[in-house]
Amino acid sequence: MSGLRTMVASMVAVGALGVGYVMWSVISPSEERRREMLKNLPESNPMRMEETRQRNAMLMQVLKEAAETSDNLARGYGGPAK
């Protein structure tokens, strides 16, 4: 009885994996669609990418300055905490 239970459980597990693989195959985009999606990403535009780099650099600078200060910026606009 235990052997039959193990065999049925194994078949159910393999069946579930098979169904999952088939669903993944149906849902995932084709190679052509994948290339089209990559082409339309904002990062593919060099001007947009440079703007993103500059914005990230400014944000990192602000975070660095905030980390170096002893002011509690959560309570106001800088200055000593009251």
PDB file of N, CA and C in Angstrom:
ATOM      1  N   MET A   1       0.812  -1.189   0.000  1.00  0.00           N
ATOM      2  CA  MET A   1       0.000   0.000   0.000  1.00  0.00           C
ATOM      3  C   MET A   1       0.858   1.257   0.000  1.00  0.00           C
ATOM      4  N   SER A   2       1.950   1.213   0.770  1.00  0.00           N
ATOM      5  CA  SER A   2       2.841   2.364   0.849  1.00  0.00           C
ATOM      6  C   SER A   2       3.516   2.632  -0.502  1.00  0.00           C
ATOM      7  N   GLY A   3       3.868   1.559  -1.188  1.00  0.00           N
ATOM      8  CA  GLY A   3       4.494   1.710  -2.500  1.00  0.00           C
ATOM      9  C   GLY A   3       3.559   2.341  -3.501  1.00  0.00           C
ATOM     10  N   LEU A   4       2.291   1.929  -3.459  1.00  0.00           N
ATOM     11  CA  LEU A   4       1.290   2.499  -4.361  1.00  0.00           C
ATOM     12  C   LEU A   4       1.079   3.974  -4.058  1.00  0.00           C
ATOM     13  N   ARG A   5       1.044   4.335  -2.791  1.00  0.00           N
ATOM     14  CA  ARG A   5       0.874   5.733  -2.391  1.00  0.00           C
ATOM     15  C   ARG A   5       2.055   6.578  -2.884  1.00  0.00           C
ATOM     16  N   THR A   6       3.267   6.053  -2.750  1.00  0.00           N
ATOM     17  CA  THR A   6       4.467   6.759  -3.220  1.00  0.00           C
ATOM     18  C   THR A   6       4.422   6.944  -4.732  1.00  0.00           C
ATOM     19  N   MET A   7       3.990   5.916  -5.423  1.00  0.00           N
ATOM     20  CA  MET A   7       3.931   5.980  -6.884  1.00  0.00           C
ATOM     21  C   MET A   7       2.893   7.015  -7.335  1.00  0.00           C
ATOM     22  N   VAL A   8       1.742   7.037  -6.708  1.00  0.00           N
ATOM     23  CA  VAL A   8       0.700   7.998  -7.055  1.00  0.00           C
ATOM     24  C   VAL A   8       1.162   9.420  -6.739  1.00  0.00           C
ATOM     25  N   ALA A   9       1.791   9.603  -5.595  1.00  0.00           N
ATOM     26  CA  ALA A   9       2.292  10.926  -5.230  1.00  0.00           C
ATOM     27  C   ALA A   9       3.342  11.394  -6.229  1.00  0.00           C
ATOM     28  N   SER A  10       4.211  10.512  -6.663  1.00  0.00           N
ATOM     29  CA  SER A  10       5.232  10.864  -7.653  1.00  0.00           C
ATOM     30  C   SER A  10       4.595  11.246  -8.979  1.00  0.00           C
ATOM     31  N   MET A  11       3.578  10.490  -9.381  1.00  0.00           N
ATOM     32  CA  MET A  11       2.908  10.797 -10.643  1.00  0.00           C
ATOM     33  C   MET A  11       2.193  12.146 -10.563  1.00  0.00           C
ATOM     34  N   VAL A  12       1.592  12.446  -9.423  1.00  0.00           N
ATOM     35  CA  VAL A  12       0.936  13.738  -9.250  1.00  0.00           C
ATOM     36  C   VAL A  12       1.959  14.872  -9.315  1.00  0.00           C
ATOM     37  N   ALA A  13       3.114  14.687  -8.674  1.00  0.00           N
ATOM     38  CA  ALA A  13       4.159  15.714  -8.692  1.00  0.00           C
ATOM     39  C   ALA A  13       4.675  15.937 -10.109  1.00  0.00           C
ATOM     40  N   VAL A  14       4.937  14.854 -10.835  1.00  0.00           N
ATOM     41  CA  VAL A  14       5.420  14.977 -12.219  1.00  0.00           C
ATOM     42  C   VAL A  14       4.353  15.631 -13.086  1.00  0.00           C
ATOM     43  N   GLY A  15       3.089  15.268 -12.870  1.00  0.00           N
ATOM     44  CA  GLY A  15       1.995  15.887 -13.625  1.00  0.00           C
ATOM     45  C   GLY A  15       1.889  17.374 -13.355  1.00  0.00           C
ATOM     46  N   ALA A  16       2.043  17.765 -12.087  1.00  0.00           N
ATOM     47  CA  ALA A  16       1.977  19.190 -11.738  1.00  0.00           C
ATOM     48  C   ALA A  16       3.135  19.951 -12.383  1.00  0.00           C
ATOM     49  N   LEU A  17       4.310  19.366 -12.372  1.00  0.00           N
ATOM     50  CA  LEU A  17       5.452  20.015 -13.030  1.00  0.00           C
ATOM     51  C   LEU A  17       5.218  20.134 -14.530  1.00  0.00           C
ATOM     52  N   GLY A  18       4.641  19.104 -15.138  1.00  0.00           N
ATOM     53  CA  GLY A  18       4.342  19.142 -16.571  1.00  0.00           C
ATOM     54  C   GLY A  18       3.339  20.232 -16.905  1.00  0.00           C
ATOM     55  N   VAL A  19       2.282  20.333 -16.100  1.00  0.00           N
ATOM     56  CA  VAL A  19       1.271  21.373 -16.323  1.00  0.00           C
ATOM     57  C   VAL A  19       1.907  22.756 -16.159  1.00  0.00           C
ATOM     58  N   GLY A  20       2.756  22.916 -15.147  1.00  0.00           N
ATOM     59  CA  GLY A  20       3.439  24.194 -14.943  1.00  0.00           C
ATOM     60  C   GLY A  20       4.318  24.565 -16.124  1.00  0.00           C
ATOM     61  N   TYR A  21       5.049  23.594 -16.654  1.00  0.00           N
ATOM     62  CA  TYR A  21       5.915  23.862 -17.804  1.00  0.00           C
ATOM     63  C   TYR A  21       5.104  24.252 -19.032  1.00  0.00           C
ATOM     64  N   VAL A  22       4.007  23.543 -19.272  1.00  0.00           N
ATOM     65  CA  VAL A  22       3.160  23.856 -20.428  1.00  0.00           C
ATOM     66  C   VAL A  22       2.571  25.257 -20.282  1.00  0.00           C
ATOM     67  N   MET A  23       2.114  25.596 -19.089  1.00  0.00           N
ATOM     68  CA  MET A  23       1.557  26.938 -18.874  1.00  0.00           C
ATOM     69  C   MET A  23       2.624  28.003 -19.082  1.00  0.00           C
ATOM     70  N   TRP A  24       3.841  27.752 -18.598  1.00  0.00           N
ATOM     71  CA  TRP A  24       4.946  28.700 -18.774  1.00  0.00           C
ATOM     72  C   TRP A  24       5.241  28.871 -20.268  1.00  0.00           C
ATOM     73  N   SER A  25       5.235  27.788 -21.008  1.00  0.00           N
ATOM     74  CA  SER A  25       5.522  27.850 -22.443  1.00  0.00           C
ATOM     75  C   SER A  25       4.465  28.664 -23.185  1.00  0.00           C
ATOM     76  N   VAL A  26       3.214  28.520 -22.788  1.00  0.00           N
ATOM     77  CA  VAL A  26       2.131  29.225 -23.460  1.00  0.00           C
ATOM     78  C   VAL A  26       2.158  30.714 -23.112  1.00  0.00           C
ATOM     79  N   ILE A  27       2.452  31.040 -21.864  1.00  0.00           N
ATOM     80  CA  ILE A  27       2.378  32.422 -21.403  1.00  0.00           C
ATOM     81  C   ILE A  27       3.590  33.252 -21.821  1.00  0.00           C
ATOM     82  N   SER A  28       4.767  32.662 -21.827  1.00  0.00           N
ATOM     83  CA  SER A  28       5.988  33.434 -22.095  1.00  0.00           C
ATOM     84  C   SER A  28       5.999  33.950 -23.535  1.00  0.00           C
ATOM     85  N   PRO A  29       6.535  35.174 -23.738  1.00  0.00           N
ATOM     86  CA  PRO A  29       6.543  35.756 -25.086  1.00  0.00           C
ATOM     87  C   PRO A  29       7.564  35.071 -25.986  1.00  0.00           C
ATOM     88  N   SER A  30       7.318  35.160 -27.274  1.00  0.00           N
ATOM     89  CA  SER A  30       8.236  34.571 -28.249  1.00  0.00           C
ATOM     90  C   SER A  30       9.512  35.415 -28.321  1.00  0.00           C
ATOM     91  N   GLU A  31      10.509  34.887 -28.996  1.00  0.00           N
ATOM     92  CA  GLU A  31      11.787  35.591 -29.114  1.00  0.00           C
ATOM     93  C   GLU A  31      11.617  36.920 -29.845  1.00  0.00           C
ATOM     94  N   GLU A  32      10.791  36.938 -30.871  1.00  0.00           N
ATOM     95  CA  GLU A  32      10.549  38.175 -31.620  1.00  0.00           C
ATOM     96  C   GLU A  32       9.879  39.225 -30.731  1.00  0.00           C
ATOM     97  N   ARG A  33       8.890  38.808 -29.948  1.00  0.00           N
ATOM     98  CA  ARG A  33       8.191  39.731 -29.043  1.00  0.00           C
ATOM     99  C   ARG A  33       9.149  40.230 -27.961  1.00  0.00           C
ATOM    100  N   ARG A  34      10.034  39.360 -27.501  1.00  0.00           N
ATOM    101  CA  ARG A  34      11.009  39.746 -26.487  1.00  0.00           C
ATOM    102  C   ARG A  34      11.951  40.825 -27.020  1.00  0.00           C
ATOM    103  N   ARG A  35      12.404  40.662 -28.260  1.00  0.00           N
ATOM    104  CA  ARG A  35      13.279  41.674 -28.877  1.00  0.00           C
ATOM    105  C   ARG A  35      12.548  43.008 -29.039  1.00  0.00           C
ATOM    106  N   GLU A  36      11.279  42.936 -29.426  1.00  0.00           N
ATOM    107  CA  GLU A  36      10.485  44.155 -29.598  1.00  0.00           C
ATOM    108  C   GLU A  36      10.313  44.872 -28.256  1.00  0.00           C
ATOM    109  N   MET A  37      10.073  44.126 -27.200  1.00  0.00           N
ATOM    110  CA  MET A  37       9.917  44.727 -25.880  1.00  0.00           C
ATOM    111  C   MET A  37      11.218  45.375 -25.426  1.00  0.00           C
ATOM    112  N   LEU A  38      12.352  44.727 -25.674  1.00  0.00           N
ATOM    113  CA  LEU A  38      13.642  45.305 -25.293  1.00  0.00           C
ATOM    114  C   LEU A  38      13.936  46.578 -26.069  1.00  0.00           C
ATOM    115  N   LYS A  39      13.516  46.612 -27.322  1.00  0.00           N
ATOM    116  CA  LYS A  39      13.743  47.788 -28.150  1.00  0.00           C
ATOM    117  C   LYS A  39      12.958  48.991 -27.640  1.00  0.00           C
ATOM    118  N   ASN A  40      11.807  48.751 -27.051  1.00  0.00           N
ATOM    119  CA  ASN A  40      10.938  49.833 -26.598  1.00  0.00           C
ATOM    120  C   ASN A  40      11.185  50.255 -25.157  1.00  0.00           C
ATOM    121  N   LEU A  41      12.142  49.659 -24.487  1.00  0.00           N
ATOM    122  CA  LEU A  41      12.452  50.061 -23.115  1.00  0.00           C
ATOM    123  C   LEU A  41      13.062  51.456 -23.092  1.00  0.00           C
ATOM    124  N   PRO A  42      12.787  52.230 -22.046  1.00  0.00           N
ATOM    125  CA  PRO A  42      13.357  53.587 -21.974  1.00  0.00           C
ATOM    126  C   PRO A  42      14.884  53.571 -21.953  1.00  0.00           C
ATOM    127  N   GLU A  43      15.481  52.518 -21.429  1.00  0.00           N
ATOM    128  CA  GLU A  43      16.942  52.457 -21.346  1.00  0.00           C
ATOM    129  C   GLU A  43      17.612  52.309 -22.709  1.00  0.00           C
ATOM    130  N   SER A  44      16.838  51.969 -23.734  1.00  0.00           N
ATOM    131  CA  SER A  44      17.434  51.816 -25.060  1.00  0.00           C
ATOM    132  C   SER A  44      17.680  53.168 -25.722  1.00  0.00           C
ATOM    133  N   ASN A  45      17.059  54.229 -25.216  1.00  0.00           N
ATOM    134  CA  ASN A  45      17.264  55.571 -25.734  1.00  0.00           C
ATOM    135  C   ASN A  45      18.464  56.189 -25.010  1.00  0.00           C
ATOM    136  N   PRO A  46      19.556  56.521 -25.730  1.00  0.00           N
ATOM    137  CA  PRO A  46      20.764  57.033 -25.068  1.00  0.00           C
ATOM    138  C   PRO A  46      20.528  58.334 -24.298  1.00  0.00           C
ATOM    139  N   MET A  47      19.691  59.220 -24.821  1.00  0.00           N
ATOM    140  CA  MET A  47      19.426  60.478 -24.131  1.00  0.00           C
ATOM    141  C   MET A  47      18.683  60.221 -22.815  1.00  0.00           C
ATOM    142  N   ARG A  48      17.723  59.366 -22.860  1.00  0.00           N
ATOM    143  CA  ARG A  48      16.960  59.021 -21.655  1.00  0.00           C
ATOM    144  C   ARG A  48      17.861  58.332 -20.623  1.00  0.00           C
ATOM    145  N   MET A  49      18.762  57.488 -21.112  1.00  0.00           N
ATOM    146  CA  MET A  49      19.679  56.779 -20.213  1.00  0.00           C
ATOM    147  C   MET A  49      20.610  57.763 -19.509  1.00  0.00           C
ATOM    148  N   GLU A  50      21.070  58.781 -20.233  1.00  0.00           N
ATOM    149  CA  GLU A  50      21.951  59.786 -19.619  1.00  0.00           C
ATOM    150  C   GLU A  50      21.192  60.599 -18.566  1.00  0.00           C
ATOM    151  N   GLU A  51      19.937  60.932 -18.853  1.00  0.00           N
ATOM    152  CA  GLU A  51      19.121  61.639 -17.859  1.00  0.00           C
ATOM    153  C   GLU A  51      18.964  60.796 -16.593  1.00  0.00           C
ATOM    154  N   THR A  52      18.748  59.511 -16.774  1.00  0.00           N
ATOM    155  CA  THR A  52      18.606  58.606 -15.628  1.00  0.00           C
ATOM    156  C   THR A  52      19.896  58.542 -14.828  1.00  0.00           C
ATOM    157  N   ARG A  53      21.027  58.500 -15.501  1.00  0.00           N
ATOM    158  CA  ARG A  53      22.324  58.481 -14.801  1.00  0.00           C
ATOM    159  C   ARG A  53      22.530  59.754 -13.985  1.00  0.00           C
ATOM    160  N   GLN A  54      22.211  60.894 -14.587  1.00  0.00           N
ATOM    161  CA  GLN A  54      22.366  62.159 -13.870  1.00  0.00           C
ATOM    162  C   GLN A  54      21.439  62.234 -12.663  1.00  0.00           C
ATOM    163  N   ARG A  55      20.202  61.793 -12.840  1.00  0.00           N
ATOM    164  CA  ARG A  55      19.249  61.807 -11.725  1.00  0.00           C
ATOM    165  C   ARG A  55      19.715  60.881 -10.599  1.00  0.00           C
ATOM    166  N   ASN A  56      20.230  59.719 -10.959  1.00  0.00           N
ATOM    167  CA  ASN A  56      20.745  58.789  -9.952  1.00  0.00           C
ATOM    168  C   ASN A  56      21.959  59.370  -9.235  1.00  0.00           C
ATOM    169  N   ALA A  57      22.827  60.061  -9.971  1.00  0.00           N
ATOM    170  CA  ALA A  57      24.002  60.669  -9.350  1.00  0.00           C
ATOM    171  C   ALA A  57      23.593  61.757  -8.370  1.00  0.00           C
ATOM    172  N   MET A  58      22.607  62.585  -8.748  1.00  0.00           N
ATOM    173  CA  MET A  58      22.130  63.634  -7.839  1.00  0.00           C
ATOM    174  C   MET A  58      21.489  63.028  -6.594  1.00  0.00           C
ATOM    175  N   LEU A  59      20.711  61.974  -6.788  1.00  0.00           N
ATOM    176  CA  LEU A  59      20.064  61.313  -5.658  1.00  0.00           C
ATOM    177  C   LEU A  59      21.093  60.709  -4.711  1.00  0.00           C
ATOM    178  N   MET A  60      22.128  60.103  -5.260  1.00  0.00           N
ATOM    179  CA  MET A  60      23.180  59.527  -4.415  1.00  0.00           C
ATOM    180  C   MET A  60      23.920  60.615  -3.649  1.00  0.00           C
ATOM    181  N   GLN A  61      24.119  61.775  -4.286  1.00  0.00           N
ATOM    182  CA  GLN A  61      24.779  62.895  -3.612  1.00  0.00           C
ATOM    183  C   GLN A  61      23.931  63.387  -2.444  1.00  0.00           C
ATOM    184  N   VAL A  62      22.618  63.508  -2.650  1.00  0.00           N
ATOM    185  CA  VAL A  62      21.721  63.948  -1.583  1.00  0.00           C
ATOM    186  C   VAL A  62      21.723  62.943  -0.442  1.00  0.00           C
ATOM    187  N   LEU A  63      21.683  61.665  -0.768  1.00  0.00           N
ATOM    188  CA  LEU A  63      21.714  60.634   0.273  1.00  0.00           C
ATOM    189  C   LEU A  63      23.030  60.651   1.043  1.00  0.00           C
ATOM    190  N   LYS A  64      24.123  60.898   0.333  1.00  0.00           N
ATOM    191  CA  LYS A  64      25.424  60.959   0.992  1.00  0.00           C
ATOM    192  C   LYS A  64      25.483  62.145   1.958  1.00  0.00           C
ATOM    193  N   GLU A  65      24.995  63.295   1.506  1.00  0.00           N
ATOM    194  CA  GLU A  65      24.981  64.473   2.379  1.00  0.00           C
ATOM    195  C   GLU A  65      24.076  64.247   3.589  1.00  0.00           C
ATOM    196  N   ALA A  66      22.933  63.599   3.383  1.00  0.00           N
ATOM    197  CA  ALA A  66      22.023  63.337   4.494  1.00  0.00           C
ATOM    198  C   ALA A  66      22.640  62.364   5.489  1.00  0.00           C
ATOM    199  N   ALA A  67      23.421  61.420   5.005  1.00  0.00           N
ATOM    200  CA  ALA A  67      24.052  60.451   5.894  1.00  0.00           C
ATOM    201  C   ALA A  67      25.170  61.092   6.706  1.00  0.00           C
ATOM    202  N   GLU A  68      25.791  62.125   6.171  1.00  0.00           N
ATOM    203  CA  GLU A  68      26.922  62.759   6.851  1.00  0.00           C
ATOM    204  C   GLU A  68      26.484  63.805   7.876  1.00  0.00           C
ATOM    205  N   THR A  69      25.243  64.245   7.840  1.00  0.00           N
ATOM    206  CA  THR A  69      24.789  65.286   8.754  1.00  0.00           C
ATOM    207  C   THR A  69      24.241  64.661  10.036  1.00  0.00           C
ATOM    208  N   SER A  70      24.280  65.441  11.095  1.00  0.00           N
ATOM    209  CA  SER A  70      23.728  64.947  12.351  1.00  0.00           C
ATOM    210  C   SER A  70      22.333  65.521  12.584  1.00  0.00           C
ATOM    211  N   ASP A  71      21.835  66.337  11.678  1.00  0.00           N
ATOM    212  CA  ASP A  71      20.495  66.917  11.794  1.00  0.00           C
ATOM    213  C   ASP A  71      19.442  65.825  11.586  1.00  0.00           C
ATOM    214  N   ASN A  72      18.327  65.972  12.267  1.00  0.00           N
ATOM    215  CA  ASN A  72      17.205  65.059  12.091  1.00  0.00           C
ATOM    216  C   ASN A  72      16.324  65.626  10.989  1.00  0.00           C
ATOM    217  N   LEU A  73      16.517  65.153   9.774  1.00  0.00           N
ATOM    218  CA  LEU A  73      15.803  65.697   8.626  1.00  0.00           C
ATOM    219  C   LEU A  73      14.335  65.284   8.623  1.00  0.00           C
ATOM    220  N   ALA A  74      13.974  64.287   9.393  1.00  0.00           N
ATOM    221  CA  ALA A  74      12.586  63.841   9.427  1.00  0.00           C
ATOM    222  C   ALA A  74      11.704  64.817  10.189  1.00  0.00           C
ATOM    223  N   ARG A  75      12.287  65.659  11.048  1.00  0.00           N
ATOM    224  CA  ARG A  75      11.500  66.583  11.855  1.00  0.00           C
ATOM    225  C   ARG A  75      11.314  67.943  11.197  1.00  0.00           C
ATOM    226  N   GLY A  76      11.997  68.225  10.129  1.00  0.00           N
ATOM    227  CA  GLY A  76      11.850  69.539   9.520  1.00  0.00           C
ATOM    228  C   GLY A  76      12.746  69.675   8.310  1.00  0.00           C
ATOM    229  N   TYR A  77      13.111  70.912   8.026  1.00  0.00           N
ATOM    230  CA  TYR A  77      13.923  71.189   6.854  1.00  0.00           C
ATOM    231  C   TYR A  77      15.372  71.397   7.227  1.00  0.00           C
ATOM    232  N   GLY A  78      15.921  70.582   8.056  1.00  0.00           N
ATOM    233  CA  GLY A  78      17.308  70.700   8.464  1.00  0.00           C
ATOM    234  C   GLY A  78      17.421  71.553   9.712  1.00  0.00           C
ATOM    235  N   GLY A  79      18.608  71.881  10.073  1.00  0.00           N
ATOM    236  CA  GLY A  79      18.833  72.671  11.269  1.00  0.00           C
ATOM    237  C   GLY A  79      18.747  71.796  12.517  1.00  0.00           C
ATOM    238  N   PRO A  80      18.993  72.394  13.655  1.00  0.00           N
ATOM    239  CA  PRO A  80      18.973  71.582  14.880  1.00  0.00           C
ATOM    240  C   PRO A  80      17.566  71.105  15.221  1.00  0.00           C
ATOM    241  N   ALA A  81      17.492  69.929  15.801  1.00  0.00           N
ATOM    242  CA  ALA A  81      16.195  69.374  16.193  1.00  0.00           C
ATOM    243  C   ALA A  81      15.653  70.137  17.391  1.00  0.00           C
ATOM    244  N   LYS A  82      14.369  70.338  17.426  1.00  0.00           N
ATOM    245  CA  LYS A  82      13.752  71.110  18.524  1.00  0.00           C
ATOM    246  C   LYS A  82      13.136  70.186  19.533  1.00  0.00           C
TER     247      LYS A  82
END
